[in-house]
Amino acid sequence: MGNSLHNKIYLGRRSVLASRRLRLVLGMSVLASIGLVWLLVRAVN
């Protein structure tokens, strides 16, 4: 019984990691950080 509960929790976490919204937020944050680094490089140069 504990094993099935563990499988449910694991699958739940896996589906959260595979969700479209989380990937979209992650991609947007990566793009934003790249943009900030680009602005910093331009400001230094």
PDB file of N, CA and C in Angstrom:
ATOM      1  N   MET A   1       0.826  -1.191   0.000  1.00  0.00           N
ATOM      2  CA  MET A   1       0.000   0.000   0.000  1.00  0.00           C
ATOM      3  C   MET A   1       0.873   1.259   0.000  1.00  0.00           C
ATOM      4  N   GLY A   2       1.943   1.236   0.786  1.00  0.00           N
ATOM      5  CA  GLY A   2       2.853   2.370   0.774  1.00  0.00           C
ATOM      6  C   GLY A   2       3.513   2.547  -0.580  1.00  0.00           C
ATOM      7  N   ASN A   3       3.754   1.419  -1.268  1.00  0.00           N
ATOM      8  CA  ASN A   3       4.388   1.499  -2.577  1.00  0.00           C
ATOM      9  C   ASN A   3       3.483   2.201  -3.581  1.00  0.00           C
ATOM     10  N   SER A   4       2.179   1.897  -3.558  1.00  0.00           N
ATOM     11  CA  SER A   4       1.276   2.555  -4.494  1.00  0.00           C
ATOM     12  C   SER A   4       1.166   4.044  -4.177  1.00  0.00           C
ATOM     13  N   LEU A   5       1.188   4.405  -2.895  1.00  0.00           N
ATOM     14  CA  LEU A   5       1.149   5.815  -2.529  1.00  0.00           C
ATOM     15  C   LEU A   5       2.396   6.525  -3.043  1.00  0.00           C
ATOM     16  N   HIS A   6       3.540   5.861  -2.925  1.00  0.00           N
ATOM     17  CA  HIS A   6       4.783   6.448  -3.443  1.00  0.00           C
ATOM     18  C   HIS A   6       4.698   6.631  -4.947  1.00  0.00           C
ATOM     19  N   ASN A   7       4.123   5.656  -5.653  1.00  0.00           N
ATOM     20  CA  ASN A   7       3.992   5.773  -7.102  1.00  0.00           C
ATOM     21  C   ASN A   7       3.070   6.933  -7.469  1.00  0.00           C
ATOM     22  N   LYS A   8       1.991   7.124  -6.722  1.00  0.00           N
ATOM     23  CA  LYS A   8       1.084   8.231  -7.009  1.00  0.00           C
ATOM     24  C   LYS A   8       1.785   9.570  -6.806  1.00  0.00           C
ATOM     25  N   ILE A   9       2.549   9.696  -5.712  1.00  0.00           N
ATOM     26  CA  ILE A   9       3.254  10.950  -5.448  1.00  0.00           C
ATOM     27  C   ILE A   9       4.306  11.186  -6.531  1.00  0.00           C
ATOM     28  N   TYR A  10       5.022  10.150  -6.930  1.00  0.00           N
ATOM     29  CA  TYR A  10       6.054  10.291  -7.951  1.00  0.00           C
ATOM     30  C   TYR A  10       5.443  10.693  -9.291  1.00  0.00           C
ATOM     31  N   LEU A  11       4.337  10.038  -9.643  1.00  0.00           N
ATOM     32  CA  LEU A  11       3.693  10.390 -10.905  1.00  0.00           C
ATOM     33  C   LEU A  11       3.137  11.803 -10.846  1.00  0.00           C
ATOM     34  N   GLY A  12       2.652  12.211  -9.692  1.00  0.00           N
ATOM     35  CA  GLY A  12       2.148  13.569  -9.550  1.00  0.00           C
ATOM     36  C   GLY A  12       3.257  14.581  -9.763  1.00  0.00           C
ATOM     37  N   ARG A  13       4.408  14.346  -9.166  1.00  0.00           N
ATOM     38  CA  ARG A  13       5.528  15.265  -9.356  1.00  0.00           C
ATOM     39  C   ARG A  13       5.978  15.263 -10.811  1.00  0.00           C
ATOM     40  N   ARG A  14       5.962  14.091 -11.424  1.00  0.00           N
ATOM     41  CA  ARG A  14       6.420  14.000 -12.802  1.00  0.00           C
ATOM     42  C   ARG A  14       5.482  14.767 -13.730  1.00  0.00           C
ATOM     43  N   SER A  15       4.169  14.690 -13.473  1.00  0.00           N
ATOM     44  CA  SER A  15       3.229  15.406 -14.322  1.00  0.00           C
ATOM     45  C   SER A  15       3.363  16.912 -14.124  1.00  0.00           C
ATOM     46  N   VAL A  16       3.722  17.334 -12.902  1.00  0.00           N
ATOM     47  CA  VAL A  16       3.941  18.769 -12.677  1.00  0.00           C
ATOM     48  C   VAL A  16       5.164  19.228 -13.470  1.00  0.00           C
ATOM     49  N   LEU A  17       6.224  18.410 -13.470  1.00  0.00           N
ATOM     50  CA  LEU A  17       7.418  18.782 -14.221  1.00  0.00           C
ATOM     51  C   LEU A  17       7.145  18.803 -15.721  1.00  0.00           C
ATOM     52  N   ALA A  18       6.210  18.002 -16.178  1.00  0.00           N
ATOM     53  CA  ALA A  18       5.926  17.920 -17.608  1.00  0.00           C
ATOM     54  C   ALA A  18       4.820  18.885 -18.026  1.00  0.00           C
ATOM     55  N   SER A  19       4.304  19.690 -17.099  1.00  0.00           N
ATOM     56  CA  SER A  19       3.194  20.569 -17.436  1.00  0.00           C
ATOM     57  C   SER A  19       3.645  21.682 -18.374  1.00  0.00           C
ATOM     58  N   ARG A  20       2.737  22.111 -19.219  1.00  0.00           N
ATOM     59  CA  ARG A  20       3.058  23.122 -20.218  1.00  0.00           C
ATOM     60  C   ARG A  20       3.304  24.482 -19.561  1.00  0.00           C
ATOM     61  N   ARG A  21       2.535  24.796 -18.521  1.00  0.00           N
ATOM     62  CA  ARG A  21       2.683  26.105 -17.876  1.00  0.00           C
ATOM     63  C   ARG A  21       4.053  26.248 -17.232  1.00  0.00           C
ATOM     64  N   LEU A  22       4.523  25.180 -16.569  1.00  0.00           N
ATOM     65  CA  LEU A  22       5.826  25.261 -15.904  1.00  0.00           C
ATOM     66  C   LEU A  22       6.939  25.404 -16.929  1.00  0.00           C
ATOM     67  N   ARG A  23       6.835  24.663 -18.051  1.00  0.00           N
ATOM     68  CA  ARG A  23       7.848  24.806 -19.092  1.00  0.00           C
ATOM     69  C   ARG A  23       7.821  26.203 -19.699  1.00  0.00           C
ATOM     70  N   LEU A  24       6.630  26.784 -19.850  1.00  0.00           N
ATOM     71  CA  LEU A  24       6.525  28.136 -20.394  1.00  0.00           C
ATOM     72  C   LEU A  24       7.169  29.145 -19.449  1.00  0.00           C
ATOM     73  N   VAL A  25       6.880  29.035 -18.153  1.00  0.00           N
ATOM     74  CA  VAL A  25       7.470  29.945 -17.173  1.00  0.00           C
ATOM     75  C   VAL A  25       8.986  29.775 -17.141  1.00  0.00           C
ATOM     76  N   LEU A  26       9.448  28.543 -17.209  1.00  0.00           N
ATOM     77  CA  LEU A  26      10.886  28.288 -17.196  1.00  0.00           C
ATOM     78  C   LEU A  26      11.556  28.886 -18.428  1.00  0.00           C
ATOM     79  N   GLY A  27      10.947  28.714 -19.586  1.00  0.00           N
ATOM     80  CA  GLY A  27      11.502  29.286 -20.808  1.00  0.00           C
ATOM     81  C   GLY A  27      11.531  30.802 -20.770  1.00  0.00           C
ATOM     82  N   MET A  28      10.464  31.415 -20.249  1.00  0.00           N
ATOM     83  CA  MET A  28      10.420  32.871 -20.163  1.00  0.00           C
ATOM     84  C   MET A  28      11.497  33.386 -19.210  1.00  0.00           C
ATOM     85  N   SER A  29      11.713  32.694 -18.090  1.00  0.00           N
ATOM     86  CA  SER A  29      12.742  33.137 -17.147  1.00  0.00           C
ATOM     87  C   SER A  29      14.138  32.981 -17.747  1.00  0.00           C
ATOM     88  N   VAL A  30      14.355  31.932 -18.527  1.00  0.00           N
ATOM     89  CA  VAL A  30      15.652  31.767 -19.188  1.00  0.00           C
ATOM     90  C   VAL A  30      15.871  32.896 -20.187  1.00  0.00           C
ATOM     91  N   LEU A  31      14.843  33.225 -20.979  1.00  0.00           N
ATOM     92  CA  LEU A  31      14.973  34.318 -21.934  1.00  0.00           C
ATOM     93  C   LEU A  31      15.207  35.645 -21.225  1.00  0.00           C
ATOM     94  N   ALA A  32      14.514  35.868 -20.112  1.00  0.00           N
ATOM     95  CA  ALA A  32      14.694  37.113 -19.367  1.00  0.00           C
ATOM     96  C   ALA A  32      16.111  37.211 -18.809  1.00  0.00           C
ATOM     97  N   SER A  33      16.651  36.104 -18.292  1.00  0.00           N
ATOM     98  CA  SER A  33      18.007  36.149 -17.740  1.00  0.00           C
ATOM     99  C   SER A  33      19.032  36.362 -18.849  1.00  0.00           C
ATOM    100  N   ILE A  34      18.802  35.769 -20.027  1.00  0.00           N
ATOM    101  CA  ILE A  34      19.713  36.007 -21.146  1.00  0.00           C
ATOM    102  C   ILE A  34      19.669  37.475 -21.551  1.00  0.00           C
ATOM    103  N   GLY A  35      18.471  38.050 -21.575  1.00  0.00           N
ATOM    104  CA  GLY A  35      18.345  39.471 -21.901  1.00  0.00           C
ATOM    105  C   GLY A  35      19.043  40.356 -20.890  1.00  0.00           C
ATOM    106  N   LEU A  36      18.932  40.025 -19.611  1.00  0.00           N
ATOM    107  CA  LEU A  36      19.617  40.814 -18.585  1.00  0.00           C
ATOM    108  C   LEU A  36      21.127  40.718 -18.728  1.00  0.00           C
ATOM    109  N   VAL A  37      21.641  39.538 -19.009  1.00  0.00           N
ATOM    110  CA  VAL A  37      23.087  39.377 -19.202  1.00  0.00           C
ATOM    111  C   VAL A  37      23.538  40.181 -20.416  1.00  0.00           C
ATOM    112  N   TRP A  38      22.749  40.174 -21.488  1.00  0.00           N
ATOM    113  CA  TRP A  38      23.084  40.937 -22.690  1.00  0.00           C
ATOM    114  C   TRP A  38      23.130  42.433 -22.382  1.00  0.00           C
ATOM    115  N   LEU A  39      22.152  42.903 -21.603  1.00  0.00           N
ATOM    116  CA  LEU A  39      22.144  44.327 -21.234  1.00  0.00           C
ATOM    117  C   LEU A  39      23.354  44.675 -20.358  1.00  0.00           C
ATOM    118  N   LEU A  40      23.708  43.791 -19.443  1.00  0.00           N
ATOM    119  CA  LEU A  40      24.891  44.038 -18.604  1.00  0.00           C
ATOM    120  C   LEU A  40      26.167  44.090 -19.438  1.00  0.00           C
ATOM    121  N   VAL A  41      26.295  43.183 -20.385  1.00  0.00           N
ATOM    122  CA  VAL A  41      27.481  43.165 -21.247  1.00  0.00           C
ATOM    123  C   VAL A  41      27.544  44.452 -22.065  1.00  0.00           C
ATOM    124  N   ARG A  42      26.416  44.908 -22.573  1.00  0.00           N
ATOM    125  CA  ARG A  42      26.413  46.151 -23.349  1.00  0.00           C
ATOM    126  C   ARG A  42      26.721  47.350 -22.450  1.00  0.00           C
ATOM    127  N   ALA A  43      26.251  47.327 -21.210  1.00  0.00           N
ATOM    128  CA  ALA A  43      26.504  48.445 -20.302  1.00  0.00           C
ATOM    129  C   ALA A  43      27.988  48.502 -19.931  1.00  0.00           C
ATOM    130  N   VAL A  44      28.631  47.353 -19.764  1.00  0.00           N
ATOM    131  CA  VAL A  44      30.048  47.325 -19.404  1.00  0.00           C
ATOM    132  C   VAL A  44      30.886  47.776 -20.590  1.00  0.00           C
ATOM    133  N   ASN A  45      30.536  47.307 -21.773  1.00  0.00           N
ATOM    134  CA  ASN A  45      31.287  47.706 -22.965  1.00  0.00           C
ATOM    135  C   ASN A  45      30.859  49.094 -23.372  1.00  0.00           C
TER     136      ASN A  45
END
